[in-house]
Amino acid sequence: MHKIPTISFNDLVNTNKDVLDFLTSSLENNGFFVINDHPIDLQLINRTFDIAEEMFSLPYETKNKYHVPGTNGARGYTPYGIETALNEKVADQKEFWHQGSTTNNELMPNIYIDEVKNFNDLDVLYKEFESMGVEILKAFTHFSLDYNSDIADAAENGNSILRLIHYPPTDGTNEHRARAHNDVNLITLLIGGNEAGLEAQDKKGNWVECNCNENEIICNIGDMLEIISNEKLNSTPHRVVSKGNEGKSRYSIPFFLHPRPEVMLDTKKTLTADQFLTKRLQDIKLN
């Protein structure tokens, strides 16, 4: 299998022309790349994995106290077997937690688990991810592209989501822990899973392994950025499959960088980020 490219965060934000040219050509084939030398604290990342493992190990009755029906899974806990990839009939084999902004009072407030220590670290990681994501979008403004909105500003204090995912052990009858899907947002920043399994689809239909070291972060383009860039930056289908690790839990921590709800996505200025997100959440049964 081919590998996705690796880029230094410093080269990216310093708008090194050779790096940007390389990234542009790479994204034409597959909207995924690895970032090394990033600014997020590794100890904070490790603590967040500990938080995830402790939280998802709680009894279902305890976790489900933090599930809020009717909110499209915007905050708190979403149980196993609910989220279903677009146009799929079988639900993904995962449960997850959503943490959002602490500064945009127009958005739903966060929920906090009393039973898990250091849970407020999620807010710290959220802010570090948001800052990193905004810097990446600023670098993207140096691509020779016309955007429908100011992407350097669109995600400032936006409707972003920090997600903690648990893929429980399976019996091996269904290899798809998460079926093929595209992310809805601008970009996703992913702390690699503790087990292999993430794959992205290139333009030829091949599935490419998306692995990275513990001090690296995977970045991929989402549907909203594809729309804003008039399809010059391509959102890429990806999936999580079993890799001989069916009997193990898999934990993953993606950060979905979203614009503010009122940001316009399309050329005609008729489609807001909130409208697009609401429709997608309904389609994937997060309600």
C-alpha atoms as a PDB file:
ATOM      1  CA  MET A   1       0.000   0.000   0.000  1.00  0.00           C
ATOM      2  CA  HIS A   2       1.072   3.578  -0.619  1.00  0.00           C
ATOM      3  CA  LYS A   3       1.607   5.906   2.323  1.00  0.00           C
ATOM      4  CA  ILE A   4       0.170   9.350   2.887  1.00  0.00           C
ATOM      5  CA  PRO A   5       2.738  12.199   2.873  1.00  0.00           C
ATOM      6  CA  THR A   6       4.339  13.658   6.003  1.00  0.00           C
ATOM      7  CA  ILE A   7       4.850  17.402   6.484  1.00  0.00           C
ATOM      8  CA  SER A   8       6.421  19.473   9.240  1.00  0.00           C
ATOM      9  CA  PHE A   9       3.987  21.802  11.008  1.00  0.00           C
ATOM     10  CA  ASN A  10       6.657  24.506  11.034  1.00  0.00           C
ATOM     11  CA  ASP A  11       7.147  24.279   7.267  1.00  0.00           C
ATOM     12  CA  LEU A  12       3.389  24.394   6.769  1.00  0.00           C
ATOM     13  CA  VAL A  13       2.688  27.493   8.867  1.00  0.00           C
ATOM     14  CA  ASN A  14       5.786  29.272   7.549  1.00  0.00           C
ATOM     15  CA  THR A  15       4.295  28.815   4.065  1.00  0.00           C
ATOM     16  CA  ASN A  16       7.356  27.128   2.632  1.00  0.00           C
ATOM     17  CA  LYS A  17       6.570  27.167  -1.099  1.00  0.00           C
ATOM     18  CA  ASP A  18       8.108  23.772  -1.831  1.00  0.00           C
ATOM     19  CA  VAL A  19       6.095  22.204   0.984  1.00  0.00           C
ATOM     20  CA  LEU A  20       2.868  23.854  -0.171  1.00  0.00           C
ATOM     21  CA  ASP A  21       3.451  22.726  -3.760  1.00  0.00           C
ATOM     22  CA  PHE A  22       4.118  19.178  -2.539  1.00  0.00           C
ATOM     23  CA  LEU A  23       1.014  19.252  -0.355  1.00  0.00           C
ATOM     24  CA  THR A  24      -1.161  20.603  -3.175  1.00  0.00           C
ATOM     25  CA  SER A  25      -0.125  17.805  -5.521  1.00  0.00           C
ATOM     26  CA  SER A  26      -0.554  15.202  -2.780  1.00  0.00           C
ATOM     27  CA  LEU A  27      -4.060  16.373  -1.904  1.00  0.00           C
ATOM     28  CA  GLU A  28      -5.130  15.924  -5.513  1.00  0.00           C
ATOM     29  CA  ASN A  29      -4.731  12.166  -5.016  1.00  0.00           C
ATOM     30  CA  ASN A  30      -5.708  11.728  -1.380  1.00  0.00           C
ATOM     31  CA  GLY A  31      -6.947  14.364   1.059  1.00  0.00           C
ATOM     32  CA  PHE A  32      -4.879  12.986   3.961  1.00  0.00           C
ATOM     33  CA  PHE A  33      -1.426  13.908   5.248  1.00  0.00           C
ATOM     34  CA  VAL A  34       0.633  13.467   8.424  1.00  0.00           C
ATOM     35  CA  ILE A  35       1.924  16.445  10.441  1.00  0.00           C
ATOM     36  CA  ASN A  36       5.033  16.094  12.579  1.00  0.00           C
ATOM     37  CA  ASP A  37       6.745  18.642  14.847  1.00  0.00           C
ATOM     38  CA  HIS A  38       3.287  19.829  15.923  1.00  0.00           C
ATOM     39  CA  PRO A  39       2.704  22.056  18.977  1.00  0.00           C
ATOM     40  CA  ILE A  40       0.281  19.902  20.981  1.00  0.00           C
ATOM     41  CA  ASP A  41       1.621  18.600  24.288  1.00  0.00           C
ATOM     42  CA  LEU A  42       2.252  14.843  24.135  1.00  0.00           C
ATOM     43  CA  GLN A  43       1.613  14.410  27.874  1.00  0.00           C
ATOM     44  CA  LEU A  44      -1.808  16.022  27.411  1.00  0.00           C
ATOM     45  CA  ILE A  45      -2.523  13.610  24.560  1.00  0.00           C
ATOM     46  CA  ASN A  46      -1.542  10.632  26.718  1.00  0.00           C
ATOM     47  CA  ARG A  47      -3.748  11.864  29.562  1.00  0.00           C
ATOM     48  CA  THR A  48      -6.656  12.154  27.139  1.00  0.00           C
ATOM     49  CA  PHE A  49      -6.256   8.520  26.084  1.00  0.00           C
ATOM     50  CA  ASP A  50      -6.336   7.641  29.795  1.00  0.00           C
ATOM     51  CA  ILE A  51      -9.521   9.690  30.189  1.00  0.00           C
ATOM     52  CA  ALA A  52     -11.099   7.906  27.227  1.00  0.00           C
ATOM     53  CA  GLU A  53     -10.241   4.459  28.540  1.00  0.00           C
ATOM     54  CA  GLU A  54     -11.520   5.282  32.029  1.00  0.00           C
ATOM     55  CA  MET A  55     -14.730   6.843  30.729  1.00  0.00           C
ATOM     56  CA  PHE A  56     -15.681   4.091  28.283  1.00  0.00           C
ATOM     57  CA  SER A  57     -14.940   1.463  30.946  1.00  0.00           C
ATOM     58  CA  LEU A  58     -17.744   2.862  33.102  1.00  0.00           C
ATOM     59  CA  PRO A  59     -20.974   0.840  33.315  1.00  0.00           C
ATOM     60  CA  TYR A  60     -23.418   1.620  30.510  1.00  0.00           C
ATOM     61  CA  GLU A  61     -25.957   2.968  33.011  1.00  0.00           C
ATOM     62  CA  THR A  62     -23.389   5.534  34.182  1.00  0.00           C
ATOM     63  CA  LYS A  63     -22.287   6.611  30.705  1.00  0.00           C
ATOM     64  CA  ASN A  64     -25.833   6.849  29.435  1.00  0.00           C
ATOM     65  CA  LYS A  65     -26.652   9.478  32.085  1.00  0.00           C
ATOM     66  CA  TYR A  66     -24.627  11.803  29.864  1.00  0.00           C
ATOM     67  CA  HIS A  67     -26.487  10.992  26.643  1.00  0.00           C
ATOM     68  CA  VAL A  68     -28.766  13.854  25.543  1.00  0.00           C
ATOM     69  CA  PRO A  69     -31.401  12.659  23.020  1.00  0.00           C
ATOM     70  CA  GLY A  70     -32.632  15.142  20.433  1.00  0.00           C
ATOM     71  CA  THR A  71     -29.369  17.111  20.197  1.00  0.00           C
ATOM     72  CA  ASN A  72     -27.812  15.290  17.210  1.00  0.00           C
ATOM     73  CA  GLY A  73     -25.083  14.043  19.528  1.00  0.00           C
ATOM     74  CA  ALA A  74     -23.689  17.568  19.803  1.00  0.00           C
ATOM     75  CA  ARG A  75     -22.372  17.088  23.344  1.00  0.00           C
ATOM     76  CA  GLY A  76     -21.782  14.287  25.766  1.00  0.00           C
ATOM     77  CA  TYR A  77     -22.095  10.538  25.259  1.00  0.00           C
ATOM     78  CA  THR A  78     -23.443   8.690  22.216  1.00  0.00           C
ATOM     79  CA  PRO A  79     -23.950   4.941  22.747  1.00  0.00           C
ATOM     80  CA  TYR A  80     -22.737   2.073  20.601  1.00  0.00           C
ATOM     81  CA  GLY A  81     -24.714   1.275  17.444  1.00  0.00           C
ATOM     82  CA  ILE A  82     -26.280   4.692  16.686  1.00  0.00           C
ATOM     83  CA  GLU A  83     -24.104   6.578  14.187  1.00  0.00           C
ATOM     84  CA  THR A  84     -24.496   5.100  10.703  1.00  0.00           C
ATOM     85  CA  ALA A  85     -22.324   6.167   7.762  1.00  0.00           C
ATOM     86  CA  LEU A  86     -24.071   8.023   4.941  1.00  0.00           C
ATOM     87  CA  ASN A  87     -26.028   5.658   2.660  1.00  0.00           C
ATOM     88  CA  GLU A  88     -25.231   2.674   4.920  1.00  0.00           C
ATOM     89  CA  LYS A  89     -27.740   0.497   6.778  1.00  0.00           C
ATOM     90  CA  VAL A  90     -25.431  -1.105   9.374  1.00  0.00           C
ATOM     91  CA  ALA A  91     -24.426   1.122  12.288  1.00  0.00           C
ATOM     92  CA  ASP A  92     -20.749   1.660  13.107  1.00  0.00           C
ATOM     93  CA  GLN A  93     -19.253  -0.420  15.914  1.00  0.00           C
ATOM     94  CA  LYS A  94     -18.325   2.432  18.223  1.00  0.00           C
ATOM     95  CA  GLU A  95     -19.376   4.670  21.081  1.00  0.00           C
ATOM     96  CA  PHE A  96     -18.090   8.212  21.531  1.00  0.00           C
ATOM     97  CA  TRP A  97     -18.016  11.459  23.498  1.00  0.00           C
ATOM     98  CA  HIS A  98     -18.290  15.009  22.117  1.00  0.00           C
ATOM     99  CA  GLN A  99     -16.695  18.064  23.722  1.00  0.00           C
ATOM    100  CA  GLY A 100     -17.167  21.512  22.184  1.00  0.00           C
ATOM    101  CA  SER A 101     -16.283  25.165  22.565  1.00  0.00           C
ATOM    102  CA  THR A 102     -16.136  26.806  25.981  1.00  0.00           C
ATOM    103  CA  THR A 103     -16.061  30.336  24.540  1.00  0.00           C
ATOM    104  CA  ASN A 104     -18.937  30.537  22.029  1.00  0.00           C
ATOM    105  CA  ASN A 105     -22.049  31.054  24.135  1.00  0.00           C
ATOM    106  CA  GLU A 106     -24.297  30.606  21.094  1.00  0.00           C
ATOM    107  CA  LEU A 107     -23.482  26.889  21.077  1.00  0.00           C
ATOM    108  CA  MET A 108     -24.648  24.064  23.329  1.00  0.00           C
ATOM    109  CA  PRO A 109     -22.689  23.969  26.624  1.00  0.00           C
ATOM    110  CA  ASN A 110     -20.396  21.090  27.433  1.00  0.00           C
ATOM    111  CA  ILE A 111     -21.220  18.186  29.713  1.00  0.00           C
ATOM    112  CA  TYR A 112     -18.772  16.916  32.319  1.00  0.00           C
ATOM    113  CA  ILE A 113     -18.478  13.422  33.781  1.00  0.00           C
ATOM    114  CA  ASP A 114     -18.200  13.410  37.561  1.00  0.00           C
ATOM    115  CA  GLU A 115     -16.840   9.870  37.649  1.00  0.00           C
ATOM    116  CA  VAL A 116     -13.653  10.535  35.605  1.00  0.00           C
ATOM    117  CA  LYS A 117     -10.666  12.398  37.014  1.00  0.00           C
ATOM    118  CA  ASN A 118      -8.905  15.163  35.044  1.00  0.00           C
ATOM    119  CA  PHE A 119     -11.899  15.397  32.695  1.00  0.00           C
ATOM    120  CA  ASN A 120     -11.355  19.154  32.265  1.00  0.00           C
ATOM    121  CA  ASP A 121      -8.187  18.293  30.323  1.00  0.00           C
ATOM    122  CA  LEU A 122     -10.526  17.846  27.345  1.00  0.00           C
ATOM    123  CA  ASP A 123     -11.125  21.602  27.312  1.00  0.00           C
ATOM    124  CA  VAL A 124      -7.373  22.225  27.277  1.00  0.00           C
ATOM    125  CA  LEU A 125      -6.829  19.813  24.386  1.00  0.00           C
ATOM    126  CA  TYR A 126      -9.777  21.340  22.527  1.00  0.00           C
ATOM    127  CA  LYS A 127      -8.186  24.793  22.632  1.00  0.00           C
ATOM    128  CA  GLU A 128      -4.807  23.473  21.492  1.00  0.00           C
ATOM    129  CA  PHE A 129      -6.414  21.637  18.576  1.00  0.00           C
ATOM    130  CA  GLU A 130      -8.498  24.672  17.615  1.00  0.00           C
ATOM    131  CA  SER A 131      -5.424  26.894  17.550  1.00  0.00           C
ATOM    132  CA  MET A 132      -3.492  24.375  15.463  1.00  0.00           C
ATOM    133  CA  GLY A 133      -6.374  23.931  13.027  1.00  0.00           C
ATOM    134  CA  VAL A 134      -6.775  27.663  12.477  1.00  0.00           C
ATOM    135  CA  GLU A 135      -3.051  27.933  11.720  1.00  0.00           C
ATOM    136  CA  ILE A 136      -3.351  25.162   9.125  1.00  0.00           C
ATOM    137  CA  LEU A 137      -6.253  26.947   7.430  1.00  0.00           C
ATOM    138  CA  LYS A 138      -4.196  30.131   7.322  1.00  0.00           C
ATOM    139  CA  ALA A 139      -1.491  28.154   5.524  1.00  0.00           C
ATOM    140  CA  PHE A 140      -4.118  26.892   3.077  1.00  0.00           C
ATOM    141  CA  THR A 141      -4.849  30.496   2.064  1.00  0.00           C
ATOM    142  CA  HIS A 142      -1.470  30.451   0.309  1.00  0.00           C
ATOM    143  CA  PHE A 143      -2.712  27.835  -2.137  1.00  0.00           C
ATOM    144  CA  SER A 144      -3.595  29.393  -5.490  1.00  0.00           C
ATOM    145  CA  LEU A 145      -7.316  28.894  -4.899  1.00  0.00           C
ATOM    146  CA  ASP A 146     -10.420  31.083  -4.718  1.00  0.00           C
ATOM    147  CA  TYR A 147     -12.463  30.342  -1.605  1.00  0.00           C
ATOM    148  CA  ASN A 148     -16.134  31.174  -1.096  1.00  0.00           C
ATOM    149  CA  SER A 149     -15.440  32.363   2.467  1.00  0.00           C
ATOM    150  CA  ASP A 150     -12.480  33.637   4.456  1.00  0.00           C
ATOM    151  CA  ILE A 151     -11.158  30.284   5.679  1.00  0.00           C
ATOM    152  CA  ALA A 152      -8.557  31.967   7.874  1.00  0.00           C
ATOM    153  CA  ASP A 153     -11.392  33.475   9.912  1.00  0.00           C
ATOM    154  CA  ALA A 154     -14.203  30.931   9.443  1.00  0.00           C
ATOM    155  CA  ALA A 155     -13.154  28.567  12.229  1.00  0.00           C
ATOM    156  CA  GLU A 156     -12.265  31.172  14.852  1.00  0.00           C
ATOM    157  CA  ASN A 157     -14.527  30.366  17.809  1.00  0.00           C
ATOM    158  CA  GLY A 158     -16.351  27.889  15.582  1.00  0.00           C
ATOM    159  CA  ASN A 159     -18.635  24.917  16.116  1.00  0.00           C
ATOM    160  CA  SER A 160     -15.727  22.467  16.352  1.00  0.00           C
ATOM    161  CA  ILE A 161     -15.860  19.095  18.093  1.00  0.00           C
ATOM    162  CA  LEU A 162     -13.335  17.059  20.054  1.00  0.00           C
ATOM    163  CA  ARG A 163     -14.409  13.425  19.825  1.00  0.00           C
ATOM    164  CA  LEU A 164     -13.231  10.511  21.952  1.00  0.00           C
ATOM    165  CA  ILE A 165     -14.020   7.186  20.245  1.00  0.00           C
ATOM    166  CA  HIS A 166     -14.068   3.655  21.602  1.00  0.00           C
ATOM    167  CA  TYR A 167     -14.310   0.723  19.200  1.00  0.00           C
ATOM    168  CA  PRO A 168     -15.058  -2.249  21.490  1.00  0.00           C
ATOM    169  CA  PRO A 169     -13.693  -5.737  20.792  1.00  0.00           C
ATOM    170  CA  THR A 170     -15.707  -7.532  18.093  1.00  0.00           C
ATOM    171  CA  ASP A 171     -16.381 -11.156  17.179  1.00  0.00           C
ATOM    172  CA  GLY A 172     -14.882 -10.700  13.711  1.00  0.00           C
ATOM    173  CA  THR A 173     -18.114 -11.180  11.758  1.00  0.00           C
ATOM    174  CA  ASN A 174     -18.082  -7.533  10.619  1.00  0.00           C
ATOM    175  CA  GLU A 175     -14.644  -6.147   9.704  1.00  0.00           C
ATOM    176  CA  HIS A 176     -15.935  -2.572   9.454  1.00  0.00           C
ATOM    177  CA  ARG A 177     -15.622  -0.806  12.761  1.00  0.00           C
ATOM    178  CA  ALA A 178     -16.543   2.399  10.919  1.00  0.00           C
ATOM    179  CA  ARG A 179     -17.782   2.106   7.360  1.00  0.00           C
ATOM    180  CA  ALA A 180     -16.515   4.318   4.565  1.00  0.00           C
ATOM    181  CA  HIS A 181     -17.520   7.947   5.030  1.00  0.00           C
ATOM    182  CA  ASN A 182     -16.409  11.540   4.431  1.00  0.00           C
ATOM    183  CA  ASP A 183     -16.020  14.024   7.265  1.00  0.00           C
ATOM    184  CA  VAL A 184     -18.514  16.877   7.172  1.00  0.00           C
ATOM    185  CA  ASN A 185     -16.260  19.655   8.524  1.00  0.00           C
ATOM    186  CA  LEU A 186     -13.375  21.816   7.237  1.00  0.00           C
ATOM    187  CA  ILE A 187     -10.422  19.691   8.341  1.00  0.00           C
ATOM    188  CA  THR A 188      -9.973  16.873  10.824  1.00  0.00           C
ATOM    189  CA  LEU A 189      -6.938  16.547  13.082  1.00  0.00           C
ATOM    190  CA  LEU A 190      -6.538  13.006  14.324  1.00  0.00           C
ATOM    191  CA  ILE A 191      -4.436  11.612  17.113  1.00  0.00           C
ATOM    192  CA  GLY A 192      -3.672   8.176  15.713  1.00  0.00           C
ATOM    193  CA  GLY A 193      -5.572   5.211  17.102  1.00  0.00           C
ATOM    194  CA  ASN A 194      -3.837   2.903  19.532  1.00  0.00           C
ATOM    195  CA  GLU A 195      -4.508   0.076  17.075  1.00  0.00           C
ATOM    196  CA  ALA A 196      -4.176  -0.048  13.275  1.00  0.00           C
ATOM    197  CA  GLY A 197      -7.222   0.094  11.017  1.00  0.00           C
ATOM    198  CA  LEU A 198      -7.694   3.598   9.553  1.00  0.00           C
ATOM    199  CA  GLU A 199      -7.630   3.615   5.743  1.00  0.00           C
ATOM    200  CA  ALA A 200      -8.272   6.374   3.165  1.00  0.00           C
ATOM    201  CA  GLN A 201      -9.357   5.889  -0.440  1.00  0.00           C
ATOM    202  CA  ASP A 202      -7.245   7.417  -3.218  1.00  0.00           C
ATOM    203  CA  LYS A 203      -8.530   8.621  -6.591  1.00  0.00           C
ATOM    204  CA  LYS A 204      -7.974   5.167  -8.115  1.00  0.00           C
ATOM    205  CA  GLY A 205     -10.152   3.515  -5.485  1.00  0.00           C
ATOM    206  CA  ASN A 206      -7.264   1.966  -3.565  1.00  0.00           C
ATOM    207  CA  TRP A 207      -7.384   1.874   0.228  1.00  0.00           C
ATOM    208  CA  VAL A 208      -4.290   3.460   1.761  1.00  0.00           C
ATOM    209  CA  GLU A 209      -3.192   2.818   5.340  1.00  0.00           C
ATOM    210  CA  CYS A 210      -3.178   5.964   7.493  1.00  0.00           C
ATOM    211  CA  ASN A 211      -0.743   5.297  10.298  1.00  0.00           C
ATOM    212  CA  CYS A 212       1.433   7.726  12.212  1.00  0.00           C
ATOM    213  CA  ASN A 213       3.800   7.793  15.157  1.00  0.00           C
ATOM    214  CA  GLU A 214       2.599   8.815  18.611  1.00  0.00           C
ATOM    215  CA  ASN A 215       4.109  12.285  18.188  1.00  0.00           C
ATOM    216  CA  GLU A 216       2.386  12.886  14.839  1.00  0.00           C
ATOM    217  CA  ILE A 217      -1.123  13.951  13.822  1.00  0.00           C
ATOM    218  CA  ILE A 218      -3.108  12.982  10.727  1.00  0.00           C
ATOM    219  CA  CYS A 219      -4.966  15.773   8.908  1.00  0.00           C
ATOM    220  CA  ASN A 220      -7.678  15.339   6.286  1.00  0.00           C
ATOM    221  CA  ILE A 221      -9.982  17.529   4.220  1.00  0.00           C
ATOM    222  CA  GLY A 222     -13.718  17.553   5.004  1.00  0.00           C
ATOM    223  CA  ASP A 223     -16.808  18.224   2.900  1.00  0.00           C
ATOM    224  CA  MET A 224     -17.209  21.846   4.017  1.00  0.00           C
ATOM    225  CA  LEU A 225     -13.708  22.772   2.845  1.00  0.00           C
ATOM    226  CA  GLU A 226     -14.353  20.983  -0.441  1.00  0.00           C
ATOM    227  CA  ILE A 227     -17.436  23.165  -0.965  1.00  0.00           C
ATOM    228  CA  ILE A 228     -15.695  26.388   0.113  1.00  0.00           C
ATOM    229  CA  SER A 229     -12.764  25.628  -2.237  1.00  0.00           C
ATOM    230  CA  ASN A 230     -15.130  24.918  -5.142  1.00  0.00           C
ATOM    231  CA  GLU A 231     -13.997  21.269  -5.111  1.00  0.00           C
ATOM    232  CA  LYS A 232     -10.321  22.132  -5.564  1.00  0.00           C
ATOM    233  CA  LEU A 233      -9.538  20.509  -2.190  1.00  0.00           C
ATOM    234  CA  ASN A 234     -11.103  17.077  -2.030  1.00  0.00           C
ATOM    235  CA  SER A 235     -12.796  15.409   0.895  1.00  0.00           C
ATOM    236  CA  THR A 236     -11.663  11.791   1.001  1.00  0.00           C
ATOM    237  CA  PRO A 237     -13.626   8.652   1.946  1.00  0.00           C
ATOM    238  CA  HIS A 238     -12.076   6.741   4.819  1.00  0.00           C
ATOM    239  CA  ARG A 239     -12.940   3.821   7.066  1.00  0.00           C
ATOM    240  CA  VAL A 240     -11.790   1.857  10.098  1.00  0.00           C
ATOM    241  CA  VAL A 241     -11.406  -1.894   9.583  1.00  0.00           C
ATOM    242  CA  SER A 242     -10.198  -4.765  11.704  1.00  0.00           C
ATOM    243  CA  LYS A 243      -6.533  -5.584  11.222  1.00  0.00           C
ATOM    244  CA  GLY A 244      -6.288  -8.785  13.192  1.00  0.00           C
ATOM    245  CA  ASN A 245      -7.177  -6.776  16.298  1.00  0.00           C
ATOM    246  CA  GLU A 246     -10.849  -7.707  16.569  1.00  0.00           C
ATOM    247  CA  GLY A 247     -10.424  -8.870  20.143  1.00  0.00           C
ATOM    248  CA  LYS A 248      -8.944  -5.561  21.334  1.00  0.00           C
ATOM    249  CA  SER A 249     -10.498  -2.212  22.135  1.00  0.00           C
ATOM    250  CA  ARG A 250      -9.433   0.601  19.806  1.00  0.00           C
ATOM    251  CA  TYR A 251      -9.365   4.228  20.970  1.00  0.00           C
ATOM    252  CA  SER A 252      -9.126   7.237  18.664  1.00  0.00           C
ATOM    253  CA  ILE A 253      -9.252  11.008  19.249  1.00  0.00           C
ATOM    254  CA  PRO A 254     -10.209  13.183  16.252  1.00  0.00           C
ATOM    255  CA  PHE A 255     -10.777  16.932  16.346  1.00  0.00           C
ATOM    256  CA  PHE A 256     -13.296  18.171  13.768  1.00  0.00           C
ATOM    257  CA  LEU A 257     -12.583  21.809  12.906  1.00  0.00           C
ATOM    258  CA  HIS A 258     -15.882  23.472  11.995  1.00  0.00           C
ATOM    259  CA  PRO A 259     -16.718  27.011  10.929  1.00  0.00           C
ATOM    260  CA  ARG A 260     -19.074  29.173  12.929  1.00  0.00           C
ATOM    261  CA  PRO A 261     -22.699  28.192  12.162  1.00  0.00           C
ATOM    262  CA  GLU A 262     -23.424  31.321  10.104  1.00  0.00           C
ATOM    263  CA  VAL A 263     -20.455  30.977   7.706  1.00  0.00           C
ATOM    264  CA  MET A 264     -21.519  30.635   4.072  1.00  0.00           C
ATOM    265  CA  LEU A 265     -20.103  27.659   2.198  1.00  0.00           C
ATOM    266  CA  ASP A 266     -21.227  28.040  -1.403  1.00  0.00           C
ATOM    267  CA  THR A 267     -20.553  30.564  -4.150  1.00  0.00           C
ATOM    268  CA  LYS A 268     -24.153  31.816  -4.204  1.00  0.00           C
ATOM    269  CA  LYS A 269     -24.102  32.433  -0.430  1.00  0.00           C
ATOM    270  CA  THR A 270     -27.221  30.348   0.152  1.00  0.00           C
ATOM    271  CA  LEU A 271     -25.837  27.441   2.212  1.00  0.00           C
ATOM    272  CA  THR A 272     -24.661  28.012   5.778  1.00  0.00           C
ATOM    273  CA  ALA A 273     -22.417  25.677   7.722  1.00  0.00           C
ATOM    274  CA  ASP A 274     -25.248  25.080  10.191  1.00  0.00           C
ATOM    275  CA  GLN A 275     -27.691  24.048   7.442  1.00  0.00           C
ATOM    276  CA  PHE A 276     -25.186  21.648   5.918  1.00  0.00           C
ATOM    277  CA  LEU A 277     -24.246  20.124   9.283  1.00  0.00           C
ATOM    278  CA  THR A 278     -27.853  19.688  10.429  1.00  0.00           C
ATOM    279  CA  LYS A 279     -28.791  17.807   7.263  1.00  0.00           C
ATOM    280  CA  ARG A 280     -25.754  15.533   7.504  1.00  0.00           C
ATOM    281  CA  LEU A 281     -26.360  14.684  11.167  1.00  0.00           C
ATOM    282  CA  GLN A 282     -29.901  13.665  10.308  1.00  0.00           C
ATOM    283  CA  ASP A 283     -28.638  11.518   7.426  1.00  0.00           C
ATOM    284  CA  ILE A 284     -26.201   9.605   9.665  1.00  0.00           C
ATOM    285  CA  LYS A 285     -28.892   9.110  12.355  1.00  0.00           C
ATOM    286  CA  LEU A 286     -27.283  11.303  14.995  1.00  0.00           C
ATOM    287  CA  ASN A 287     -30.490  12.709  16.404  1.00  0.00           C
END
